[in-house]
Amino acid sequence: MFTVYVLYSPSHEKIYIGYTSNLEQRMLSHNRLGKKGWTIRYRPWEIVFTEEFEEKAEAMKRK
């Protein structure tokens, strides 16, 4: 199962769209554990939308 998700950073008014097979772990990475990448500059993130797909290819198309 893959989840497409939309994050919002209220403090910076930014939106991020991604997909993952483990949303809980991915959110930890976006908000706490990640050391590099675009999203670490705009913490904290809130989930504003999710949609689940059986196949990775489907999630990638939706993103």
PDB file of N, CA and C in Angstrom:
ATOM      1  N   MET A   1       0.839  -1.182   0.000  1.00  0.00           N
ATOM      2  CA  MET A   1       0.000   0.000   0.000  1.00  0.00           C
ATOM      3  C   MET A   1       0.886   1.247   0.000  1.00  0.00           C
ATOM      4  N   PHE A   2       0.545   2.212  -0.821  1.00  0.00           N
ATOM      5  CA  PHE A   2       1.277   3.470  -0.914  1.00  0.00           C
ATOM      6  C   PHE A   2       0.324   4.630  -0.665  1.00  0.00           C
ATOM      7  N   THR A   3       0.815   5.634   0.008  1.00  0.00           N
ATOM      8  CA  THR A   3       0.014   6.798   0.343  1.00  0.00           C
ATOM      9  C   THR A   3       0.590   8.041  -0.312  1.00  0.00           C
ATOM     10  N   VAL A   4      -0.252   8.752  -1.045  1.00  0.00           N
ATOM     11  CA  VAL A   4       0.091  10.083  -1.530  1.00  0.00           C
ATOM     12  C   VAL A   4      -0.370  11.040  -0.440  1.00  0.00           C
ATOM     13  N   TYR A   5       0.474  12.005  -0.106  1.00  0.00           N
ATOM     14  CA  TYR A   5       0.123  12.923   0.979  1.00  0.00           C
ATOM     15  C   TYR A   5       0.467  14.357   0.610  1.00  0.00           C
ATOM     16  N   VAL A   6      -0.283  15.277   1.188  1.00  0.00           N
ATOM     17  CA  VAL A   6      -0.022  16.699   1.016  1.00  0.00           C
ATOM     18  C   VAL A   6       0.246  17.264   2.397  1.00  0.00           C
ATOM     19  N   LEU A   7       1.379  17.954   2.519  1.00  0.00           N
ATOM     20  CA  LEU A   7       1.754  18.588   3.775  1.00  0.00           C
ATOM     21  C   LEU A   7       1.647  20.096   3.630  1.00  0.00           C
ATOM     22  N   TYR A   8       1.363  20.757   4.757  1.00  0.00           N
ATOM     23  CA  TYR A   8       1.300  22.211   4.776  1.00  0.00           C
ATOM     24  C   TYR A   8       2.127  22.714   5.947  1.00  0.00           C
ATOM     25  N   SER A   9       2.926  23.732   5.688  1.00  0.00           N
ATOM     26  CA  SER A   9       3.716  24.392   6.726  1.00  0.00           C
ATOM     27  C   SER A   9       3.072  25.745   7.003  1.00  0.00           C
ATOM     28  N   PRO A  10       2.281  25.845   8.076  1.00  0.00           N
ATOM     29  CA  PRO A  10       1.593  27.111   8.355  1.00  0.00           C
ATOM     30  C   PRO A  10       2.554  28.268   8.649  1.00  0.00           C
ATOM     31  N   SER A  11       3.689  27.990   9.256  1.00  0.00           N
ATOM     32  CA  SER A  11       4.621  29.061   9.603  1.00  0.00           C
ATOM     33  C   SER A  11       5.321  29.657   8.384  1.00  0.00           C
ATOM     34  N   HIS A  12       5.389  28.893   7.283  1.00  0.00           N
ATOM     35  CA  HIS A  12       6.060  29.368   6.073  1.00  0.00           C
ATOM     36  C   HIS A  12       5.128  29.422   4.858  1.00  0.00           C
ATOM     37  N   GLU A  13       3.882  28.984   5.046  1.00  0.00           N
ATOM     38  CA  GLU A  13       2.878  28.944   3.977  1.00  0.00           C
ATOM     39  C   GLU A  13       3.386  28.184   2.747  1.00  0.00           C
ATOM     40  N   LYS A  14       3.928  27.001   2.993  1.00  0.00           N
ATOM     41  CA  LYS A  14       4.446  26.134   1.927  1.00  0.00           C
ATOM     42  C   LYS A  14       3.629  24.846   1.878  1.00  0.00           C
ATOM     43  N   ILE A  15       3.567  24.253   0.683  1.00  0.00           N
ATOM     44  CA  ILE A  15       2.895  22.968   0.469  1.00  0.00           C
ATOM     45  C   ILE A  15       3.917  22.002  -0.111  1.00  0.00           C
ATOM     46  N   TYR A  16       3.829  20.733   0.326  1.00  0.00           N
ATOM     47  CA  TYR A  16       4.705  19.679  -0.190  1.00  0.00           C
ATOM     48  C   TYR A  16       3.840  18.469  -0.507  1.00  0.00           C
ATOM     49  N   ILE A  17       4.066  17.839  -1.655  1.00  0.00           N
ATOM     50  CA  ILE A  17       3.337  16.640  -2.051  1.00  0.00           C
ATOM     51  C   ILE A  17       4.341  15.505  -2.211  1.00  0.00           C
ATOM     52  N   GLY A  18       4.021  14.364  -1.599  1.00  0.00           N
ATOM     53  CA  GLY A  18       4.907  13.212  -1.692  1.00  0.00           C
ATOM     54  C   GLY A  18       4.134  11.913  -1.654  1.00  0.00           C
ATOM     55  N   TYR A  19       4.851  10.796  -1.694  1.00  0.00           N
ATOM     56  CA  TYR A  19       4.230   9.482  -1.536  1.00  0.00           C
ATOM     57  C   TYR A  19       5.179   8.597  -0.758  1.00  0.00           C
ATOM     58  N   THR A  20       4.608   7.601  -0.080  1.00  0.00           N
ATOM     59  CA  THR A  20       5.398   6.722   0.763  1.00  0.00           C
ATOM     60  C   THR A  20       4.647   5.424   1.012  1.00  0.00           C
ATOM     61  N   SER A  21       5.378   4.426   1.475  1.00  0.00           N
ATOM     62  CA  SER A  21       4.741   3.180   1.898  1.00  0.00           C
ATOM     63  C   SER A  21       4.598   3.144   3.424  1.00  0.00           C
ATOM     64  N   ASN A  22       5.145   4.148   4.127  1.00  0.00           N
ATOM     65  CA  ASN A  22       5.052   4.206   5.587  1.00  0.00           C
ATOM     66  C   ASN A  22       4.907   5.673   6.007  1.00  0.00           C
ATOM     67  N   LEU A  23       3.674   6.142   6.103  1.00  0.00           N
ATOM     68  CA  LEU A  23       3.405   7.552   6.365  1.00  0.00           C
ATOM     69  C   LEU A  23       3.909   7.994   7.738  1.00  0.00           C
ATOM     70  N   GLU A  24       3.748   7.159   8.735  1.00  0.00           N
ATOM     71  CA  GLU A  24       4.201   7.522  10.079  1.00  0.00           C
ATOM     72  C   GLU A  24       5.717   7.791  10.104  1.00  0.00           C
ATOM     73  N   GLN A  25       6.483   6.894   9.517  1.00  0.00           N
ATOM     74  CA  GLN A  25       7.933   7.066   9.478  1.00  0.00           C
ATOM     75  C   GLN A  25       8.332   8.264   8.622  1.00  0.00           C
ATOM     76  N   ARG A  26       7.617   8.463   7.539  1.00  0.00           N
ATOM     77  CA  ARG A  26       7.928   9.585   6.651  1.00  0.00           C
ATOM     78  C   ARG A  26       7.676  10.920   7.351  1.00  0.00           C
ATOM     79  N   MET A  27       6.624  10.998   8.142  1.00  0.00           N
ATOM     80  CA  MET A  27       6.342  12.233   8.881  1.00  0.00           C
ATOM     81  C   MET A  27       7.422  12.505   9.924  1.00  0.00           C
ATOM     82  N   LEU A  28       7.921  11.462  10.564  1.00  0.00           N
ATOM     83  CA  LEU A  28       9.039  11.643  11.491  1.00  0.00           C
ATOM     84  C   LEU A  28      10.245  12.233  10.764  1.00  0.00           C
ATOM     85  N   SER A  29      10.486  11.758   9.563  1.00  0.00           N
ATOM     86  CA  SER A  29      11.597  12.262   8.777  1.00  0.00           C
ATOM     87  C   SER A  29      11.389  13.732   8.411  1.00  0.00           C
ATOM     88  N   HIS A  30      10.183  14.075   7.968  1.00  0.00           N
ATOM     89  CA  HIS A  30       9.901  15.462   7.585  1.00  0.00           C
ATOM     90  C   HIS A  30       9.995  16.415   8.780  1.00  0.00           C
ATOM     91  N   ASN A  31       9.495  15.985   9.933  1.00  0.00           N
ATOM     92  CA  ASN A  31       9.379  16.904  11.070  1.00  0.00           C
ATOM     93  C   ASN A  31      10.508  16.829  12.100  1.00  0.00           C
ATOM     94  N   ARG A  32      11.237  15.709  12.172  1.00  0.00           N
ATOM     95  CA  ARG A  32      12.247  15.589  13.224  1.00  0.00           C
ATOM     96  C   ARG A  32      13.565  14.974  12.792  1.00  0.00           C
ATOM     97  N   LEU A  33      13.518  13.815  12.159  1.00  0.00           N
ATOM     98  CA  LEU A  33      14.728  13.022  11.950  1.00  0.00           C
ATOM     99  C   LEU A  33      15.544  13.425  10.732  1.00  0.00           C
ATOM    100  N   GLY A  34      14.898  13.986   9.720  1.00  0.00           N
ATOM    101  CA  GLY A  34      15.605  14.323   8.488  1.00  0.00           C
ATOM    102  C   GLY A  34      16.693  15.365   8.711  1.00  0.00           C
ATOM    103  N   LYS A  35      17.833  15.163   8.075  1.00  0.00           N
ATOM    104  CA  LYS A  35      18.979  16.070   8.222  1.00  0.00           C
ATOM    105  C   LYS A  35      19.254  16.881   6.958  1.00  0.00           C
ATOM    106  N   LYS A  36      18.642  16.490   5.832  1.00  0.00           N
ATOM    107  CA  LYS A  36      18.853  17.216   4.588  1.00  0.00           C
ATOM    108  C   LYS A  36      17.574  17.183   3.770  1.00  0.00           C
ATOM    109  N   GLY A  37      17.538  18.021   2.767  1.00  0.00           N
ATOM    110  CA  GLY A  37      16.373  18.061   1.891  1.00  0.00           C
ATOM    111  C   GLY A  37      15.566  19.340   2.054  1.00  0.00           C
ATOM    112  N   TRP A  38      14.680  19.554   1.122  1.00  0.00           N
ATOM    113  CA  TRP A  38      13.888  20.777   1.058  1.00  0.00           C
ATOM    114  C   TRP A  38      12.967  20.943   2.259  1.00  0.00           C
ATOM    115  N   THR A  39      12.349  19.862   2.713  1.00  0.00           N
ATOM    116  CA  THR A  39      11.310  19.994   3.741  1.00  0.00           C
ATOM    117  C   THR A  39      11.841  20.379   5.118  1.00  0.00           C
ATOM    118  N   ILE A  40      13.105  20.127   5.415  1.00  0.00           N
ATOM    119  CA  ILE A  40      13.592  20.440   6.766  1.00  0.00           C
ATOM    120  C   ILE A  40      13.612  21.946   7.027  1.00  0.00           C
ATOM    121  N   ARG A  41      13.663  22.746   5.978  1.00  0.00           N
ATOM    122  CA  ARG A  41      13.702  24.210   6.145  1.00  0.00           C
ATOM    123  C   ARG A  41      12.367  24.804   6.562  1.00  0.00           C
ATOM    124  N   TYR A  42      11.292  24.058   6.365  1.00  0.00           N
ATOM    125  CA  TYR A  42       9.952  24.619   6.571  1.00  0.00           C
ATOM    126  C   TYR A  42       9.160  23.902   7.667  1.00  0.00           C
ATOM    127  N   ARG A  43       9.833  23.250   8.569  1.00  0.00           N
ATOM    128  CA  ARG A  43       9.176  22.561   9.685  1.00  0.00           C
ATOM    129  C   ARG A  43       8.457  23.555  10.578  1.00  0.00           C
ATOM    130  N   PRO A  44       7.399  23.148  11.243  1.00  0.00           N
ATOM    131  CA  PRO A  44       6.755  21.826  11.251  1.00  0.00           C
ATOM    132  C   PRO A  44       5.730  21.697  10.120  1.00  0.00           C
ATOM    133  N   TRP A  45       5.471  20.444   9.749  1.00  0.00           N
ATOM    134  CA  TRP A  45       4.517  20.114   8.706  1.00  0.00           C
ATOM    135  C   TRP A  45       3.265  19.487   9.296  1.00  0.00           C
ATOM    136  N   GLU A  46       2.126  19.768   8.671  1.00  0.00           N
ATOM    137  CA  GLU A  46       0.856  19.150   9.033  1.00  0.00           C
ATOM    138  C   GLU A  46       0.328  18.409   7.812  1.00  0.00           C
ATOM    139  N   ILE A  47      -0.266  17.244   8.016  1.00  0.00           N
ATOM    140  CA  ILE A  47      -0.893  16.501   6.922  1.00  0.00           C
ATOM    141  C   ILE A  47      -2.258  17.120   6.654  1.00  0.00           C
ATOM    142  N   VAL A  48      -2.504  17.500   5.407  1.00  0.00           N
ATOM    143  CA  VAL A  48      -3.802  18.081   5.057  1.00  0.00           C
ATOM    144  C   VAL A  48      -4.599  17.192   4.105  1.00  0.00           C
ATOM    145  N   PHE A  49      -3.938  16.163   3.513  1.00  0.00           N
ATOM    146  CA  PHE A  49      -4.638  15.275   2.591  1.00  0.00           C
ATOM    147  C   PHE A  49      -3.858  13.981   2.454  1.00  0.00           C
ATOM    148  N   THR A  50      -4.567  12.862   2.374  1.00  0.00           N
ATOM    149  CA  THR A  50      -3.948  11.572   2.056  1.00  0.00           C
ATOM    150  C   THR A  50      -4.867  10.795   1.117  1.00  0.00           C
ATOM    151  N   GLU A  51      -4.257   9.954   0.296  1.00  0.00           N
ATOM    152  CA  GLU A  51      -4.994   9.063  -0.589  1.00  0.00           C
ATOM    153  C   GLU A  51      -4.160   7.801  -0.753  1.00  0.00           C
ATOM    154  N   GLU A  52      -4.778   6.634  -0.618  1.00  0.00           N
ATOM    155  CA  GLU A  52      -4.045   5.370  -0.660  1.00  0.00           C
ATOM    156  C   GLU A  52      -4.208   4.655  -1.990  1.00  0.00           C
ATOM    157  N   PHE A  53      -3.133   3.949  -2.383  1.00  0.00           N
ATOM    158  CA  PHE A  53      -3.095   3.198  -3.632  1.00  0.00           C
ATOM    159  C   PHE A  53      -2.449   1.843  -3.381  1.00  0.00           C
ATOM    160  N   GLU A  54      -2.872   0.858  -4.130  1.00  0.00           N
ATOM    161  CA  GLU A  54      -2.310  -0.491  -4.020  1.00  0.00           C
ATOM    162  C   GLU A  54      -0.902  -0.558  -4.599  1.00  0.00           C
ATOM    163  N   GLU A  55      -0.676   0.129  -5.700  1.00  0.00           N
ATOM    164  CA  GLU A  55       0.588   0.032  -6.425  1.00  0.00           C
ATOM    165  C   GLU A  55       1.364   1.351  -6.377  1.00  0.00           C
ATOM    166  N   LYS A  56       2.678   1.232  -6.307  1.00  0.00           N
ATOM    167  CA  LYS A  56       3.541   2.407  -6.299  1.00  0.00           C
ATOM    168  C   LYS A  56       3.350   3.255  -7.555  1.00  0.00           C
ATOM    169  N   ALA A  57       3.216   2.599  -8.701  1.00  0.00           N
ATOM    170  CA  ALA A  57       3.048   3.319  -9.964  1.00  0.00           C
ATOM    171  C   ALA A  57       1.799   4.192  -9.955  1.00  0.00           C
ATOM    172  N   GLU A  58       0.738   3.710  -9.325  1.00  0.00           N
ATOM    173  CA  GLU A  58      -0.494   4.498  -9.220  1.00  0.00           C
ATOM    174  C   GLU A  58      -0.266   5.741  -8.369  1.00  0.00           C
ATOM    175  N   ALA A  59       0.428   5.573  -7.261  1.00  0.00           N
ATOM    176  CA  ALA A  59       0.728   6.704  -6.386  1.00  0.00           C
ATOM    177  C   ALA A  59       1.608   7.728  -7.094  1.00  0.00           C
ATOM    178  N   MET A  60       2.562   7.251  -7.848  1.00  0.00           N
ATOM    179  CA  MET A  60       3.460   8.161  -8.564  1.00  0.00           C
ATOM    180  C   MET A  60       2.703   8.972  -9.617  1.00  0.00           C
ATOM    181  N   LYS A  61       1.744   8.351 -10.271  1.00  0.00           N
ATOM    182  CA  LYS A  61       0.929   9.070 -11.267  1.00  0.00           C
ATOM    183  C   LYS A  61       0.083  10.138 -10.593  1.00  0.00           C
ATOM    184  N   ARG A  62      -0.478   9.819  -9.444  1.00  0.00           N
ATOM    185  CA  ARG A  62      -1.352  10.754  -8.723  1.00  0.00           C
ATOM    186  C   ARG A  62      -0.587  11.955  -8.208  1.00  0.00           C
ATOM    187  N   LYS A  63       0.633  11.696  -7.756  1.00  0.00           N
ATOM    188  CA  LYS A  63       1.453  12.771  -7.200  1.00  0.00           C
ATOM    189  C   LYS A  63       1.659  13.829  -8.247  1.00  0.00           C
TER     190      LYS A  63
END
